[in-house]
Amino acid sequence: MERDRSALDFALDREAPPAAIMLSFGDPTAIARDITARGIPLICQIQTMAQLRQAVEAGASVIVAQGAEAGGHGMNATDARSTFTFVPEIADWLAGHAPDVDLLAAGGVADGRGLAAAMILGADGALIGSRLWATPESLAADGAIEEAVKASGDDTARSAVFDILREKDWPREYDFRALRNVIHREWEDRIEDLRADPTAAIADYKDGVAQEDYTRAHATVGEGTGLIKSSVSAEAIIASITKEARALLGS
């Protein structure tokens, strides 16, 4: 948004203000002021402990602890944290420094067991991406969802491959988890070669997208894809997750 914050300004200038706005990837301080000054709750997704204090001081009402298991963009494979250890570390810090700030777990939560585990680790809830991505309400292509349903968590990888192929200029500290298909495997050990001369690979990727060929087009899911067995409505998924988590937590 340092280059173009028009999407944020559009949201802020609407007659009916957003119920909340979530920021991720970078120091939220300067942008946060424009959000919190309007009384809009701020959600900050973070990937490291170093980002936690920044987010709280910026006025976040909710912290999302994103682990490396998450699909799509997140901290790079070298520096990323695991959801299972990241959540309780943040919960402990918030308990001592900002007890009124809520905490959500993100990354690998795809059923009631994951939600219950997150809450036992100190989270107030979960931000669930991949499982709700694979629903009829999602904007994801049917072919991509079909691939995710067939995949296991072993079939995903985090790298810069799909950012390069999609011509996305992301900072190197962040990369992208998706299904580890043929085109990803072709380039995952040659990232710098791909950066240096991506033209032919980009054309191949774009043709894959046009042909809905998911050996070349990407499907954006995290490690939780192995828990996705079908594409059903978001309402049904939320009801199922809630029921299972309540049973496990005894509530």
Protein backbone atom coordinates (compact mmCIF):
# COMPACT_ATOMS: atom_id res chain seq x y z
CA MET A 1 0.00 0.00 0.00
CA GLU A 2 3.00 2.30 0.04
CA ARG A 3 2.61 2.25 -3.74
CA ASP A 4 -1.18 2.24 -4.04
CA ARG A 5 -3.66 2.45 -1.17
CA SER A 6 -6.71 3.12 -3.33
CA ALA A 7 -8.45 -0.08 -2.20
CA LEU A 8 -8.12 0.96 1.46
CA ASP A 9 -9.30 4.49 0.73
CA PHE A 10 -12.32 3.09 -1.14
CA ALA A 11 -13.25 1.03 1.92
CA LEU A 12 -12.71 3.91 4.34
CA ASP A 13 -14.74 6.38 2.28
CA ARG A 14 -17.87 4.25 2.00
CA GLU A 15 -21.01 5.59 3.66
CA ALA A 16 -21.30 2.39 5.72
CA PRO A 17 -17.90 1.75 7.30
CA PRO A 18 -16.38 -1.74 7.24
CA ALA A 19 -17.10 -3.96 10.26
CA ALA A 20 -13.31 -4.42 10.51
CA ILE A 21 -10.18 -4.18 8.37
CA MET A 22 -7.34 -6.70 8.40
CA LEU A 23 -3.74 -5.79 7.56
CA SER A 24 -0.84 -8.17 7.04
CA PHE A 25 2.78 -8.21 5.84
CA GLY A 26 4.72 -5.25 7.14
CA ASP A 27 4.59 -2.52 9.79
CA PRO A 28 0.93 -1.43 10.09
CA THR A 29 1.61 1.74 12.12
CA ALA A 30 1.11 4.49 9.52
CA ILE A 31 -1.92 2.91 7.87
CA ALA A 32 -3.50 1.83 11.16
CA ARG A 33 -4.05 5.40 12.29
CA ASP A 34 -6.43 6.05 9.40
CA ILE A 35 -8.43 2.97 10.36
CA THR A 36 -8.61 3.25 14.13
CA ALA A 37 -9.32 7.01 14.02
CA ARG A 38 -12.63 6.15 12.34
CA GLY A 39 -13.52 3.68 15.07
CA ILE A 40 -13.06 0.69 12.77
CA PRO A 41 -11.64 -2.38 14.54
CA LEU A 42 -8.20 -3.32 13.25
CA ILE A 43 -7.14 -6.93 12.75
CA CYS A 44 -3.41 -7.51 12.23
CA GLN A 45 -2.08 -10.78 10.88
CA ILE A 46 1.50 -11.42 11.95
CA GLN A 47 4.15 -14.03 11.20
CA THR A 48 6.83 -13.33 13.82
CA MET A 49 7.05 -12.26 17.44
CA ALA A 50 8.85 -9.10 16.35
CA GLN A 51 5.68 -8.00 14.55
CA LEU A 52 3.48 -8.56 17.60
CA ARG A 53 4.42 -5.45 19.57
CA GLN A 54 4.16 -3.33 16.40
CA ALA A 55 0.63 -4.54 15.80
CA VAL A 56 -0.53 -4.01 19.37
CA GLU A 57 1.00 -0.54 19.53
CA ALA A 58 -0.70 0.28 16.22
CA GLY A 59 -4.05 -0.35 17.90
CA ALA A 60 -4.97 -3.86 16.77
CA SER A 61 -8.08 -5.27 18.42
CA VAL A 62 -7.33 -8.75 17.07
CA ILE A 63 -4.05 -10.51 16.32
CA VAL A 64 -3.98 -13.33 13.77
CA ALA A 65 -1.03 -15.66 14.34
CA GLN A 66 -0.22 -17.08 10.90
CA GLY A 67 1.87 -20.23 10.89
CA ALA A 68 3.83 -21.64 7.98
CA GLU A 69 1.13 -24.26 7.36
CA ALA A 70 -1.14 -21.58 5.90
CA GLY A 71 -1.95 -21.39 2.21
CA GLY A 72 -1.15 -18.39 0.07
CA HIS A 73 1.21 -15.67 1.21
CA GLY A 74 3.10 -15.94 4.48
CA MET A 75 6.56 -15.73 5.96
CA ASN A 76 9.18 -17.49 3.84
CA ALA A 77 9.98 -21.15 4.42
CA THR A 78 13.23 -20.31 6.22
CA ASP A 79 11.87 -17.85 8.79
CA ALA A 80 8.26 -18.95 9.24
CA ARG A 81 6.86 -20.27 12.53
CA SER A 82 4.68 -23.30 13.19
CA THR A 83 1.13 -22.51 14.27
CA PHE A 84 1.39 -25.04 17.12
CA THR A 85 4.19 -23.14 18.88
CA PHE A 86 3.50 -19.64 17.59
CA VAL A 87 -0.01 -19.36 19.04
CA PRO A 88 0.84 -20.10 22.70
CA GLU A 89 3.89 -17.84 22.61
CA ILE A 90 1.74 -14.96 21.42
CA ALA A 91 -1.01 -15.86 23.91
CA ASP A 92 1.49 -15.63 26.77
CA TRP A 93 2.76 -12.23 25.59
CA LEU A 94 -0.75 -10.84 25.18
CA ALA A 95 -1.75 -12.08 28.63
CA GLY A 96 1.06 -10.05 30.15
CA HIS A 97 0.97 -6.96 27.93
CA ALA A 98 -2.40 -6.60 26.16
CA PRO A 99 -5.03 -8.88 27.70
CA ASP A 100 -7.91 -7.12 25.93
CA VAL A 101 -6.55 -8.01 22.47
CA ASP A 102 -8.09 -11.15 20.98
CA LEU A 103 -6.02 -13.85 19.29
CA LEU A 104 -6.88 -16.02 16.29
CA ALA A 105 -4.84 -18.95 15.00
CA ALA A 106 -4.25 -19.31 11.26
CA GLY A 107 -2.52 -22.07 9.35
CA GLY A 108 -3.58 -25.70 9.26
CA VAL A 109 -6.94 -25.25 11.02
CA ALA A 110 -9.52 -27.06 8.92
CA ASP A 111 -11.85 -28.86 11.32
CA GLY A 112 -13.15 -28.80 14.87
CA ARG A 113 -10.06 -30.56 16.18
CA GLY A 114 -7.87 -27.74 14.91
CA LEU A 115 -10.15 -25.07 16.38
CA ALA A 116 -10.26 -26.83 19.74
CA ALA A 117 -6.48 -27.25 19.73
CA ALA A 118 -5.99 -23.57 18.92
CA MET A 119 -8.23 -22.55 21.80
CA ILE A 120 -6.47 -24.87 24.23
CA LEU A 121 -3.20 -23.24 23.13
CA GLY A 122 -4.59 -19.84 24.11
CA ALA A 123 -6.37 -18.55 21.00
CA ASP A 124 -9.87 -17.09 21.13
CA GLY A 125 -10.72 -18.62 17.77
CA ALA A 126 -9.31 -19.32 14.33
CA LEU A 127 -9.03 -17.74 10.93
CA ILE A 128 -9.81 -20.57 8.51
CA GLY A 129 -8.67 -20.11 4.92
CA SER A 130 -8.14 -23.28 2.92
CA ARG A 131 -11.21 -25.13 4.19
CA LEU A 132 -13.50 -22.22 3.31
CA TRP A 133 -11.64 -21.62 0.05
CA ALA A 134 -12.86 -25.07 -1.05
CA THR A 135 -16.56 -24.17 -0.97
CA PRO A 136 -19.19 -23.29 -3.61
CA GLU A 137 -19.24 -19.71 -2.25
CA SER A 138 -15.51 -19.29 -2.90
CA LEU A 139 -14.18 -17.51 -5.97
CA ALA A 140 -11.74 -20.40 -6.52
CA ALA A 141 -12.11 -22.32 -9.78
CA ASP A 142 -13.92 -25.66 -9.57
CA GLY A 143 -10.88 -27.41 -11.05
CA ALA A 144 -8.60 -25.97 -8.38
CA ILE A 145 -10.96 -27.09 -5.62
CA GLU A 146 -11.09 -30.59 -7.13
CA GLU A 147 -7.29 -30.78 -6.99
CA ALA A 148 -7.29 -29.64 -3.36
CA VAL A 149 -9.84 -32.28 -2.39
CA LYS A 150 -7.62 -35.00 -3.89
CA ALA A 151 -4.40 -33.69 -2.29
CA SER A 152 -2.72 -34.35 1.04
CA GLY A 153 -0.71 -31.92 3.10
CA ASP A 154 2.41 -33.48 1.57
CA ASP A 155 1.35 -32.07 -1.80
CA THR A 156 1.86 -28.40 -0.89
CA ALA A 157 5.00 -26.31 -0.82
CA ARG A 158 5.99 -22.77 0.16
CA SER A 159 8.22 -20.87 -2.28
CA ALA A 160 8.38 -17.84 -4.57
CA VAL A 161 7.60 -19.85 -7.72
CA PHE A 162 3.99 -18.79 -8.22
CA ASP A 163 4.66 -15.15 -7.34
CA ILE A 164 7.26 -15.02 -10.09
CA LEU A 165 5.00 -16.82 -12.57
CA ARG A 166 2.12 -14.45 -11.76
CA GLU A 167 4.47 -11.44 -12.00
CA LYS A 168 3.79 -10.45 -8.36
CA ASP A 169 6.51 -8.26 -6.90
CA TRP A 170 6.48 -9.51 -3.31
CA PRO A 171 9.28 -8.82 -0.81
CA ARG A 172 11.57 -11.83 -0.43
CA GLU A 173 10.72 -12.30 3.24
CA TYR A 174 7.30 -13.55 2.14
CA ASP A 175 6.45 -16.38 -0.21
CA PHE A 176 3.47 -18.45 -1.28
CA ARG A 177 2.09 -21.89 -0.37
CA ALA A 178 0.08 -23.78 -2.98
CA LEU A 179 -0.22 -27.27 -4.41
CA ARG A 180 3.18 -28.52 -5.48
CA ASN A 181 2.32 -29.33 -9.09
CA VAL A 182 4.47 -30.11 -12.13
CA ILE A 183 5.45 -26.52 -12.93
CA HIS A 184 6.32 -25.83 -9.29
CA ARG A 185 8.56 -28.88 -9.09
CA GLU A 186 10.25 -27.83 -12.32
CA TRP A 187 11.39 -24.54 -10.78
CA GLU A 188 11.45 -24.95 -6.99
CA ASP A 189 15.17 -25.78 -6.91
CA ARG A 190 16.03 -23.11 -9.50
CA ILE A 191 14.36 -20.01 -8.10
CA GLU A 192 17.15 -17.62 -9.07
CA ASP A 193 17.22 -19.00 -12.62
CA LEU A 194 13.49 -18.38 -12.80
CA ARG A 195 13.90 -14.83 -11.50
CA ALA A 196 16.63 -14.15 -14.04
CA ASP A 197 14.68 -15.30 -17.09
CA PRO A 198 11.01 -15.97 -16.37
CA THR A 199 9.49 -15.18 -19.77
CA ALA A 200 8.99 -18.70 -21.12
CA ALA A 201 7.85 -20.06 -17.75
CA ILE A 202 5.33 -17.24 -17.34
CA ALA A 203 3.90 -17.99 -20.77
CA ASP A 204 3.64 -21.69 -19.86
CA TYR A 205 1.89 -20.84 -16.59
CA LYS A 206 -0.57 -18.45 -18.28
CA ASP A 207 -1.41 -21.09 -20.85
CA GLY A 208 -2.04 -23.53 -18.01
CA VAL A 209 -4.45 -21.06 -16.40
CA ALA A 210 -6.26 -20.53 -19.71
CA GLN A 211 -6.53 -24.30 -20.24
CA GLU A 212 -7.48 -24.93 -16.57
CA ASP A 213 -4.54 -27.32 -16.47
CA TYR A 214 -3.57 -27.65 -12.82
CA THR A 215 -0.27 -29.27 -13.59
CA ARG A 216 0.69 -25.69 -14.49
CA ALA A 217 -1.96 -23.39 -12.97
CA HIS A 218 -1.84 -22.95 -9.20
CA ALA A 219 -4.28 -23.98 -6.47
CA THR A 220 -3.85 -21.86 -3.34
CA VAL A 221 -4.17 -24.11 -0.31
CA GLY A 222 -2.20 -24.81 2.83
CA GLU A 223 -1.21 -28.02 4.55
CA GLY A 224 -4.79 -28.36 5.79
CA THR A 225 -5.76 -29.48 2.29
CA GLY A 226 -5.29 -33.07 3.47
CA LEU A 227 -8.31 -32.53 5.73
CA ILE A 228 -10.54 -31.35 2.89
CA LYS A 229 -12.60 -34.31 1.66
CA SER A 230 -15.35 -32.53 -0.28
CA SER A 231 -16.63 -29.14 -1.35
CA VAL A 232 -19.70 -28.29 0.73
CA SER A 233 -21.26 -24.99 1.74
CA ALA A 234 -19.48 -22.58 4.06
CA GLU A 235 -22.51 -22.71 6.36
CA ALA A 236 -22.22 -26.48 6.69
CA ILE A 237 -18.47 -26.30 7.32
CA ILE A 238 -18.81 -23.66 10.05
CA ALA A 239 -21.60 -25.62 11.72
CA SER A 240 -19.56 -28.83 11.62
CA ILE A 241 -16.39 -27.20 12.94
CA THR A 242 -18.29 -25.48 15.75
CA LYS A 243 -20.10 -28.66 16.79
CA GLU A 244 -16.91 -30.74 16.80
CA ALA A 245 -14.89 -28.15 18.70
CA ARG A 246 -17.60 -27.70 21.33
CA ALA A 247 -17.78 -31.45 21.87
CA LEU A 248 -14.02 -31.69 22.28
CA LEU A 249 -13.87 -28.71 24.63
CA GLY A 250 -16.85 -29.91 26.64
CA SER A 251 -18.81 -26.73 26.09
